[in-house]
Amino acid sequence: MAGTTFLVVRSVVSDPSLRERFDHWYATDHLPRAVAGLGAEKGWRLWSETEANVHYAVYRFADAGRLKQGMGSAPFKALVVDYDRTWPAGVTRTREILTLAEALVPRFRSS
């Protein structure tokens, strides 16, 4: 997994009345289009347990080059426009690009 790169999108749904609509839209529309449009290997959605109004989307790529290629594509640009049009108020987002430094898998322990 060395070189594996992740795009993390953190959305803050500041208006609680928008959460259900946002959740449905992200699950049924945005996440599937983002995984396909960016060329991600996999995508996840998560709601924060420490900040109830914070949503994360995580997209995995083989390396930073593949992510950069995806972010330069027409489908990615269309996703950004769609997000901004769908959520002009009540939801903000930031993006972070992370490259895996290490992964540790615990070994089985017998008792």
N, C-alpha and C. Protein backbone atom coordinates (compact mmCIF):
# COMPACT_ATOMS: atom_id res chain seq x y z
N MET A 1 0.81 -1.20 0.00
CA MET A 1 0.00 0.00 0.00
C MET A 1 0.85 1.26 0.00
N ALA A 2 2.15 1.12 -0.05
CA ALA A 2 3.01 2.30 -0.08
C ALA A 2 2.65 3.16 -1.26
N GLY A 3 2.56 4.45 -1.03
CA GLY A 3 2.19 5.37 -2.09
C GLY A 3 0.70 5.59 -2.20
N THR A 4 -0.10 4.74 -1.51
CA THR A 4 -1.54 4.92 -1.53
C THR A 4 -1.88 6.32 -1.05
N THR A 5 -2.74 6.98 -1.80
CA THR A 5 -3.09 8.37 -1.50
C THR A 5 -4.60 8.47 -1.31
N PHE A 6 -5.00 9.34 -0.41
CA PHE A 6 -6.41 9.52 -0.08
C PHE A 6 -6.80 10.98 -0.25
N LEU A 7 -7.97 11.18 -0.80
CA LEU A 7 -8.60 12.50 -0.81
C LEU A 7 -9.66 12.44 0.28
N VAL A 8 -9.58 13.36 1.24
CA VAL A 8 -10.54 13.43 2.33
C VAL A 8 -11.31 14.74 2.19
N VAL A 9 -12.61 14.63 2.07
CA VAL A 9 -13.47 15.81 1.97
C VAL A 9 -14.25 15.91 3.28
N ARG A 10 -14.05 17.02 3.98
CA ARG A 10 -14.74 17.25 5.26
C ARG A 10 -15.83 18.29 5.02
N SER A 11 -17.07 17.87 5.23
CA SER A 11 -18.20 18.76 5.06
C SER A 11 -18.81 19.06 6.43
N VAL A 12 -19.14 20.31 6.66
CA VAL A 12 -19.80 20.71 7.89
C VAL A 12 -21.22 21.14 7.52
N VAL A 13 -22.18 20.40 8.02
CA VAL A 13 -23.59 20.70 7.77
C VAL A 13 -24.06 21.56 8.95
N SER A 14 -23.91 22.87 8.80
CA SER A 14 -24.18 23.78 9.91
C SER A 14 -25.66 23.93 10.24
N ASP A 15 -26.51 23.63 9.28
CA ASP A 15 -27.96 23.69 9.50
C ASP A 15 -28.47 22.26 9.71
N PRO A 16 -28.83 21.89 10.95
CA PRO A 16 -29.24 20.52 11.24
C PRO A 16 -30.43 20.04 10.39
N SER A 17 -31.25 20.94 9.93
CA SER A 17 -32.40 20.54 9.12
C SER A 17 -31.98 20.03 7.74
N LEU A 18 -30.72 20.26 7.35
CA LEU A 18 -30.22 19.81 6.05
C LEU A 18 -29.56 18.43 6.10
N ARG A 19 -29.31 17.91 7.31
CA ARG A 19 -28.53 16.67 7.43
C ARG A 19 -29.14 15.51 6.65
N GLU A 20 -30.42 15.25 6.82
CA GLU A 20 -31.05 14.10 6.16
C GLU A 20 -30.96 14.24 4.63
N ARG A 21 -31.25 15.43 4.12
CA ARG A 21 -31.17 15.66 2.67
C ARG A 21 -29.74 15.50 2.18
N PHE A 22 -28.77 16.08 2.92
CA PHE A 22 -27.36 15.97 2.57
C PHE A 22 -26.92 14.51 2.56
N ASP A 23 -27.30 13.76 3.59
CA ASP A 23 -26.92 12.36 3.70
C ASP A 23 -27.44 11.55 2.52
N HIS A 24 -28.70 11.76 2.18
CA HIS A 24 -29.30 11.04 1.04
C HIS A 24 -28.61 11.40 -0.27
N TRP A 25 -28.40 12.70 -0.49
CA TRP A 25 -27.75 13.17 -1.72
C TRP A 25 -26.35 12.60 -1.86
N TYR A 26 -25.58 12.64 -0.76
CA TYR A 26 -24.20 12.15 -0.84
C TYR A 26 -24.18 10.64 -1.10
N ALA A 27 -25.08 9.91 -0.46
CA ALA A 27 -25.09 8.45 -0.59
C ALA A 27 -25.56 7.99 -1.98
N THR A 28 -26.58 8.64 -2.51
CA THR A 28 -27.19 8.14 -3.74
C THR A 28 -26.71 8.84 -5.00
N ASP A 29 -26.10 10.01 -4.85
CA ASP A 29 -25.69 10.79 -6.02
C ASP A 29 -24.19 11.07 -6.02
N HIS A 30 -23.76 11.83 -5.04
CA HIS A 30 -22.41 12.37 -5.08
C HIS A 30 -21.31 11.32 -4.92
N LEU A 31 -21.41 10.46 -3.92
CA LEU A 31 -20.34 9.48 -3.70
C LEU A 31 -20.16 8.54 -4.90
N PRO A 32 -21.24 7.95 -5.44
CA PRO A 32 -21.02 7.08 -6.61
C PRO A 32 -20.41 7.82 -7.80
N ARG A 33 -20.86 9.04 -8.05
CA ARG A 33 -20.30 9.81 -9.17
C ARG A 33 -18.86 10.20 -8.90
N ALA A 34 -18.54 10.52 -7.64
CA ALA A 34 -17.17 10.92 -7.30
C ALA A 34 -16.20 9.75 -7.45
N VAL A 35 -16.58 8.57 -6.97
CA VAL A 35 -15.70 7.41 -7.10
C VAL A 35 -15.42 7.13 -8.58
N ALA A 36 -16.47 7.13 -9.38
CA ALA A 36 -16.31 6.85 -10.81
C ALA A 36 -15.58 7.99 -11.52
N GLY A 37 -15.97 9.22 -11.27
CA GLY A 37 -15.41 10.37 -11.97
C GLY A 37 -13.96 10.65 -11.65
N LEU A 38 -13.58 10.37 -10.41
CA LEU A 38 -12.19 10.59 -10.00
C LEU A 38 -11.30 9.40 -10.34
N GLY A 39 -11.90 8.27 -10.60
CA GLY A 39 -11.12 7.06 -10.83
C GLY A 39 -10.57 6.48 -9.54
N ALA A 40 -11.29 6.68 -8.44
CA ALA A 40 -10.85 6.16 -7.15
C ALA A 40 -10.99 4.64 -7.11
N GLU A 41 -10.13 4.00 -6.31
CA GLU A 41 -10.23 2.56 -6.10
C GLU A 41 -11.42 2.22 -5.21
N LYS A 42 -11.71 3.13 -4.29
CA LYS A 42 -12.76 2.89 -3.30
C LYS A 42 -13.14 4.22 -2.67
N GLY A 43 -14.36 4.29 -2.15
CA GLY A 43 -14.80 5.49 -1.46
C GLY A 43 -15.60 5.12 -0.22
N TRP A 44 -15.48 5.95 0.81
CA TRP A 44 -16.21 5.75 2.06
C TRP A 44 -16.89 7.06 2.45
N ARG A 45 -17.98 6.94 3.21
CA ARG A 45 -18.62 8.10 3.84
C ARG A 45 -18.69 7.83 5.33
N LEU A 46 -18.46 8.87 6.12
CA LEU A 46 -18.49 8.71 7.56
C LEU A 46 -19.10 9.96 8.20
N TRP A 47 -19.88 9.76 9.24
CA TRP A 47 -20.34 10.87 10.08
C TRP A 47 -19.52 10.85 11.36
N SER A 48 -19.10 12.00 11.80
CA SER A 48 -18.30 12.11 13.01
C SER A 48 -19.15 11.79 14.24
N GLU A 49 -18.56 11.07 15.17
CA GLU A 49 -19.20 10.80 16.45
C GLU A 49 -18.89 11.91 17.45
N THR A 50 -17.85 12.71 17.19
CA THR A 50 -17.49 13.78 18.11
C THR A 50 -18.10 15.13 17.72
N GLU A 51 -18.38 15.30 16.44
CA GLU A 51 -19.05 16.51 15.95
C GLU A 51 -20.19 16.05 15.03
N ALA A 52 -21.40 16.02 15.56
CA ALA A 52 -22.54 15.41 14.86
C ALA A 52 -22.82 16.02 13.50
N ASN A 53 -22.37 17.23 13.26
CA ASN A 53 -22.66 17.90 11.98
C ASN A 53 -21.53 17.76 10.96
N VAL A 54 -20.54 16.93 11.26
CA VAL A 54 -19.38 16.79 10.37
C VAL A 54 -19.44 15.45 9.63
N HIS A 55 -19.31 15.54 8.32
CA HIS A 55 -19.36 14.39 7.42
C HIS A 55 -18.03 14.30 6.69
N TYR A 56 -17.50 13.10 6.55
CA TYR A 56 -16.26 12.88 5.81
C TYR A 56 -16.54 11.95 4.64
N ALA A 57 -15.91 12.24 3.53
CA ALA A 57 -15.87 11.32 2.40
C ALA A 57 -14.39 11.06 2.14
N VAL A 58 -14.03 9.80 2.00
CA VAL A 58 -12.64 9.40 1.79
C VAL A 58 -12.57 8.59 0.51
N TYR A 59 -11.65 8.98 -0.36
CA TYR A 59 -11.46 8.31 -1.64
C TYR A 59 -10.03 7.80 -1.71
N ARG A 60 -9.85 6.51 -2.05
CA ARG A 60 -8.51 5.90 -2.10
C ARG A 60 -8.02 5.78 -3.54
N PHE A 61 -6.72 6.10 -3.72
CA PHE A 61 -6.06 6.03 -5.02
C PHE A 61 -4.75 5.28 -4.88
N ALA A 62 -4.31 4.64 -5.95
CA ALA A 62 -3.06 3.88 -5.93
C ALA A 62 -1.87 4.77 -5.60
N ASP A 63 -1.91 6.03 -6.06
CA ASP A 63 -0.81 6.95 -5.79
C ASP A 63 -1.28 8.38 -6.05
N ALA A 64 -0.42 9.33 -5.69
CA ALA A 64 -0.77 10.75 -5.83
C ALA A 64 -0.99 11.15 -7.28
N GLY A 65 -0.27 10.53 -8.19
CA GLY A 65 -0.43 10.85 -9.61
C GLY A 65 -1.83 10.55 -10.11
N ARG A 66 -2.38 9.42 -9.66
CA ARG A 66 -3.74 9.06 -10.08
C ARG A 66 -4.76 10.01 -9.50
N LEU A 67 -4.54 10.43 -8.26
CA LEU A 67 -5.45 11.40 -7.65
C LEU A 67 -5.39 12.72 -8.39
N LYS A 68 -4.18 13.20 -8.67
CA LYS A 68 -4.03 14.48 -9.38
C LYS A 68 -4.66 14.41 -10.76
N GLN A 69 -4.53 13.29 -11.42
CA GLN A 69 -5.17 13.11 -12.73
C GLN A 69 -6.68 13.21 -12.58
N GLY A 70 -7.22 12.54 -11.58
CA GLY A 70 -8.66 12.59 -11.34
C GLY A 70 -9.15 13.98 -11.00
N MET A 71 -8.38 14.71 -10.19
CA MET A 71 -8.79 16.07 -9.80
C MET A 71 -8.67 17.06 -10.95
N GLY A 72 -7.92 16.72 -11.98
CA GLY A 72 -7.81 17.58 -13.15
C GLY A 72 -8.83 17.27 -14.22
N SER A 73 -9.66 16.27 -13.98
CA SER A 73 -10.60 15.80 -15.00
C SER A 73 -11.88 16.63 -15.06
N ALA A 74 -12.54 16.55 -16.19
CA ALA A 74 -13.83 17.23 -16.37
C ALA A 74 -14.88 16.69 -15.40
N PRO A 75 -14.95 15.37 -15.15
CA PRO A 75 -15.93 14.89 -14.18
C PRO A 75 -15.73 15.48 -12.78
N PHE A 76 -14.47 15.64 -12.34
CA PHE A 76 -14.22 16.24 -11.02
C PHE A 76 -14.69 17.68 -11.00
N LYS A 77 -14.36 18.43 -12.04
CA LYS A 77 -14.79 19.82 -12.10
C LYS A 77 -16.31 19.93 -12.07
N ALA A 78 -16.99 19.00 -12.75
CA ALA A 78 -18.46 18.99 -12.74
C ALA A 78 -18.99 18.67 -11.34
N LEU A 79 -18.30 17.78 -10.61
CA LEU A 79 -18.71 17.46 -9.24
C LEU A 79 -18.61 18.67 -8.32
N VAL A 80 -17.55 19.45 -8.48
CA VAL A 80 -17.37 20.66 -7.68
C VAL A 80 -18.51 21.64 -7.96
N VAL A 81 -18.82 21.85 -9.23
CA VAL A 81 -19.90 22.76 -9.60
C VAL A 81 -21.23 22.27 -9.02
N ASP A 82 -21.48 20.95 -9.14
CA ASP A 82 -22.72 20.38 -8.62
C ASP A 82 -22.82 20.55 -7.11
N TYR A 83 -21.73 20.31 -6.39
CA TYR A 83 -21.73 20.47 -4.93
C TYR A 83 -22.07 21.91 -4.57
N ASP A 84 -21.40 22.85 -5.21
CA ASP A 84 -21.63 24.27 -4.91
C ASP A 84 -23.06 24.70 -5.25
N ARG A 85 -23.60 24.16 -6.32
CA ARG A 85 -24.97 24.51 -6.73
C ARG A 85 -25.99 23.88 -5.77
N THR A 86 -25.74 22.65 -5.36
CA THR A 86 -26.68 21.94 -4.49
C THR A 86 -26.64 22.47 -3.06
N TRP A 87 -25.48 22.92 -2.62
CA TRP A 87 -25.31 23.38 -1.23
C TRP A 87 -24.74 24.80 -1.20
N PRO A 88 -25.50 25.79 -1.68
CA PRO A 88 -24.99 27.17 -1.67
C PRO A 88 -24.91 27.76 -0.27
N ALA A 89 -25.67 27.19 0.67
CA ALA A 89 -25.67 27.69 2.05
C ALA A 89 -25.96 26.52 2.99
N GLY A 90 -25.46 26.61 4.22
CA GLY A 90 -25.74 25.60 5.23
C GLY A 90 -24.75 24.45 5.26
N VAL A 91 -23.88 24.34 4.23
CA VAL A 91 -22.88 23.28 4.19
C VAL A 91 -21.58 23.87 3.63
N THR A 92 -20.49 23.62 4.32
CA THR A 92 -19.17 24.04 3.82
C THR A 92 -18.29 22.81 3.73
N ARG A 93 -17.20 22.92 2.95
CA ARG A 93 -16.31 21.76 2.82
C ARG A 93 -14.87 22.20 2.67
N THR A 94 -13.99 21.29 3.05
CA THR A 94 -12.56 21.44 2.81
C THR A 94 -12.06 20.10 2.26
N ARG A 95 -10.92 20.16 1.60
CA ARG A 95 -10.31 18.94 1.06
C ARG A 95 -8.90 18.81 1.59
N GLU A 96 -8.51 17.55 1.82
CA GLU A 96 -7.15 17.26 2.26
C GLU A 96 -6.65 16.07 1.47
N ILE A 97 -5.39 16.10 1.07
CA ILE A 97 -4.77 14.99 0.36
C ILE A 97 -3.74 14.38 1.30
N LEU A 98 -3.87 13.06 1.52
CA LEU A 98 -2.99 12.35 2.44
C LEU A 98 -2.36 11.17 1.73
N THR A 99 -1.07 10.93 2.00
CA THR A 99 -0.39 9.76 1.46
C THR A 99 -0.04 8.83 2.61
N LEU A 100 -0.36 7.57 2.45
CA LEU A 100 -0.13 6.58 3.48
C LEU A 100 1.35 6.48 3.80
N ALA A 101 1.69 6.61 5.07
CA ALA A 101 3.08 6.48 5.50
C ALA A 101 3.36 5.07 6.01
N GLU A 102 2.35 4.45 6.63
CA GLU A 102 2.55 3.12 7.19
C GLU A 102 1.20 2.51 7.52
N ALA A 103 1.11 1.21 7.40
CA ALA A 103 -0.08 0.47 7.82
C ALA A 103 0.37 -0.69 8.69
N LEU A 104 -0.28 -0.87 9.80
CA LEU A 104 0.09 -1.93 10.72
C LEU A 104 -1.11 -2.83 10.92
N VAL A 105 -0.91 -4.11 10.71
CA VAL A 105 -1.97 -5.09 10.93
C VAL A 105 -1.54 -5.92 12.13
N PRO A 106 -2.34 -5.92 13.20
CA PRO A 106 -1.93 -6.68 14.38
C PRO A 106 -1.91 -8.18 14.09
N ARG A 107 -0.97 -8.84 14.69
CA ARG A 107 -0.86 -10.30 14.55
C ARG A 107 -1.82 -10.96 15.50
N PHE A 108 -2.27 -12.12 15.10
CA PHE A 108 -3.16 -12.90 15.97
C PHE A 108 -2.42 -13.26 17.25
N ARG A 109 -3.09 -13.08 18.37
CA ARG A 109 -2.50 -13.45 19.67
C ARG A 109 -3.25 -14.63 20.24
N SER A 110 -2.53 -15.65 20.62
CA SER A 110 -3.19 -16.79 21.28
C SER A 110 -3.13 -16.56 22.78
N SER A 111 -4.14 -17.05 23.47
CA SER A 111 -4.15 -16.85 24.94
C SER A 111 -3.58 -18.01 25.67
